[in-house]
Protein backbone atom coordinates (compact mmCIF):
# COMPACT_ATOMS: atom_id res chain seq x y z
CA UNK A 1 -5.46 1.87 -28.04
CA UNK A 2 -7.93 3.11 -25.29
CA UNK A 3 -9.71 6.63 -26.00
CA UNK A 4 -8.30 9.35 -24.02
CA UNK A 5 -10.35 10.23 -20.92
CA UNK A 6 -11.82 13.54 -20.39
CA UNK A 7 -9.89 16.10 -18.14
CA UNK A 8 -10.77 16.45 -14.50
CA UNK A 9 -11.87 19.79 -13.26
CA UNK A 10 -9.09 21.99 -12.29
CA UNK A 11 -7.81 21.83 -8.75
CA UNK A 12 -8.44 24.85 -6.49
CA UNK A 13 -5.45 26.80 -5.62
CA UNK A 14 -5.91 25.82 -1.72
CA UNK A 15 -7.18 22.45 -0.63
CA UNK A 16 -10.72 22.77 0.46
CA UNK A 17 -10.79 23.02 4.14
CA UNK A 18 -13.09 19.73 4.55
CA UNK A 19 -9.78 17.81 3.30
CA UNK A 20 -8.78 16.87 7.07
CA UNK A 21 -8.31 13.61 8.79
CA UNK A 22 -11.36 14.33 11.18
CA UNK A 23 -13.70 14.47 7.88
CA UNK A 24 -12.77 11.20 6.67
CA UNK A 25 -12.59 9.58 9.88
CA UNK A 26 -16.20 10.66 10.53
CA UNK A 27 -17.01 8.75 7.31
CA UNK A 28 -15.51 5.40 8.14
CA UNK A 29 -17.44 2.29 6.58
CA UNK A 30 -19.16 4.84 4.20
CA UNK A 31 -19.47 4.14 0.43
CA UNK A 32 -17.93 6.61 -2.07
CA UNK A 33 -18.64 6.41 -5.80
CA UNK A 34 -15.57 5.93 -8.03
CA UNK A 35 -16.63 7.44 -11.65
CA UNK A 36 -14.91 5.46 -14.45
CA UNK A 37 -16.14 7.22 -17.67
CA UNK A 38 -13.45 5.13 -19.73
CA UNK A 39 -15.48 2.01 -18.51
CA UNK A 40 -18.73 3.57 -18.69
CA UNK A 41 -19.46 2.70 -15.10
CA UNK A 42 -19.24 3.72 -11.46
CA UNK A 43 -17.53 1.47 -8.76
CA UNK A 44 -18.48 1.44 -5.08
CA UNK A 45 -15.42 2.01 -2.79
CA UNK A 46 -15.99 1.61 1.15
CA UNK A 47 -13.54 3.67 3.34
CA UNK A 48 -11.97 1.21 5.79
CA UNK A 49 -8.96 2.87 7.46
CA UNK A 50 -7.88 6.41 8.13
CA UNK A 51 -4.30 6.32 9.20
CA UNK A 52 -2.28 9.07 10.61
CA UNK A 53 1.19 9.27 9.19
CA UNK A 54 2.35 12.98 10.18
CA UNK A 55 4.85 14.59 12.26
CA UNK A 56 4.55 17.89 14.10
CA UNK A 57 4.99 20.04 11.24
CA UNK A 58 2.80 18.68 8.72
CA UNK A 59 -0.61 16.99 8.64
CA UNK A 60 -0.45 13.63 6.95
CA UNK A 61 -2.82 10.72 6.73
CA UNK A 62 -3.68 7.66 4.80
CA UNK A 63 -7.20 6.53 3.30
CA UNK A 64 -7.52 2.87 2.47
CA UNK A 65 -10.74 1.89 0.76
CA UNK A 66 -11.83 -1.82 -0.18
CA UNK A 67 -13.54 -2.32 -3.50
CA UNK A 68 -14.00 -4.55 -6.40
CA UNK A 69 -11.06 -6.41 -7.83
CA UNK A 70 -11.94 -5.54 -11.36
CA UNK A 71 -11.12 -1.81 -10.78
CA UNK A 72 -8.22 -0.23 -13.00
CA UNK A 73 -4.87 -1.33 -11.07
CA UNK A 74 -3.35 2.05 -12.32
CA UNK A 75 -1.90 4.93 -10.00
CA UNK A 76 -4.14 7.68 -11.22
CA UNK A 77 -6.25 10.44 -10.32
CA UNK A 78 -10.01 9.44 -10.32
CA UNK A 79 -13.17 11.43 -9.80
CA UNK A 80 -14.84 10.42 -6.38
CA UNK A 81 -18.00 11.47 -4.97
CA UNK A 82 -19.65 10.96 -1.35
CA UNK A 83 -23.22 12.65 -0.54
CA UNK A 84 -21.47 14.74 2.41
CA UNK A 85 -18.25 15.88 0.25
CA UNK A 86 -19.60 16.15 -3.28
CA UNK A 87 -17.34 15.40 -6.21
CA UNK A 88 -13.78 15.57 -6.01
CA UNK A 89 -10.58 14.26 -7.68
CA UNK A 90 -8.43 11.88 -5.54
CA UNK A 91 -5.31 10.00 -6.55
CA UNK A 92 -5.54 6.46 -5.59
CA UNK A 93 -2.96 3.77 -5.99
CA UNK A 94 -3.55 -0.18 -5.69
CA UNK A 95 -2.46 -1.83 -2.73
CA UNK A 96 -2.38 -5.71 -2.92
CA UNK A 97 -3.07 -7.23 0.63
CA UNK A 98 -0.88 -10.44 0.66
CA UNK A 99 -2.40 -11.80 3.71
CA UNK A 100 -6.07 -12.00 2.00
CA UNK A 101 -5.20 -11.76 -1.74
CA UNK A 102 -7.55 -8.78 -1.83
CA UNK A 103 -6.95 -5.37 -3.59
CA UNK A 104 -7.33 -1.99 -1.38
CA UNK A 105 -7.01 1.61 -2.94
CA UNK A 106 -5.00 4.11 -1.03
CA UNK A 107 -4.94 7.93 -0.84
CA UNK A 108 -2.36 9.87 0.92
CA UNK A 109 -2.73 13.50 1.96
CA UNK A 110 0.48 15.25 3.29
CA UNK A 111 0.44 19.25 3.86
CA UNK A 112 2.11 21.49 6.06
CA UNK A 113 0.29 22.76 9.09
CA UNK A 114 -0.47 26.72 9.21
């Protein structure tokens, strides 16, 4: 039985202002650190795509990361960091690319516009 992982820091009542499509679009091809305390290591993810998926009433976008194929294959909230953004929790899901056989890791943001 795997040992329970330590809890992530609580989420703020409102999402930080930097969580916006433009913020991540400016960081395309940047490396993000994925902290895996249960495995005792950190993995590197590369931000490959930022894709709009929203409508007029909301801001919705997808982030697609590439990373090593040995990462956990569970949809879960992970601690991620980047020098410009600091450390933050991010819900990631594995996405298998049938064309290449590689794994990608996706985060989706969807919120109402003010």
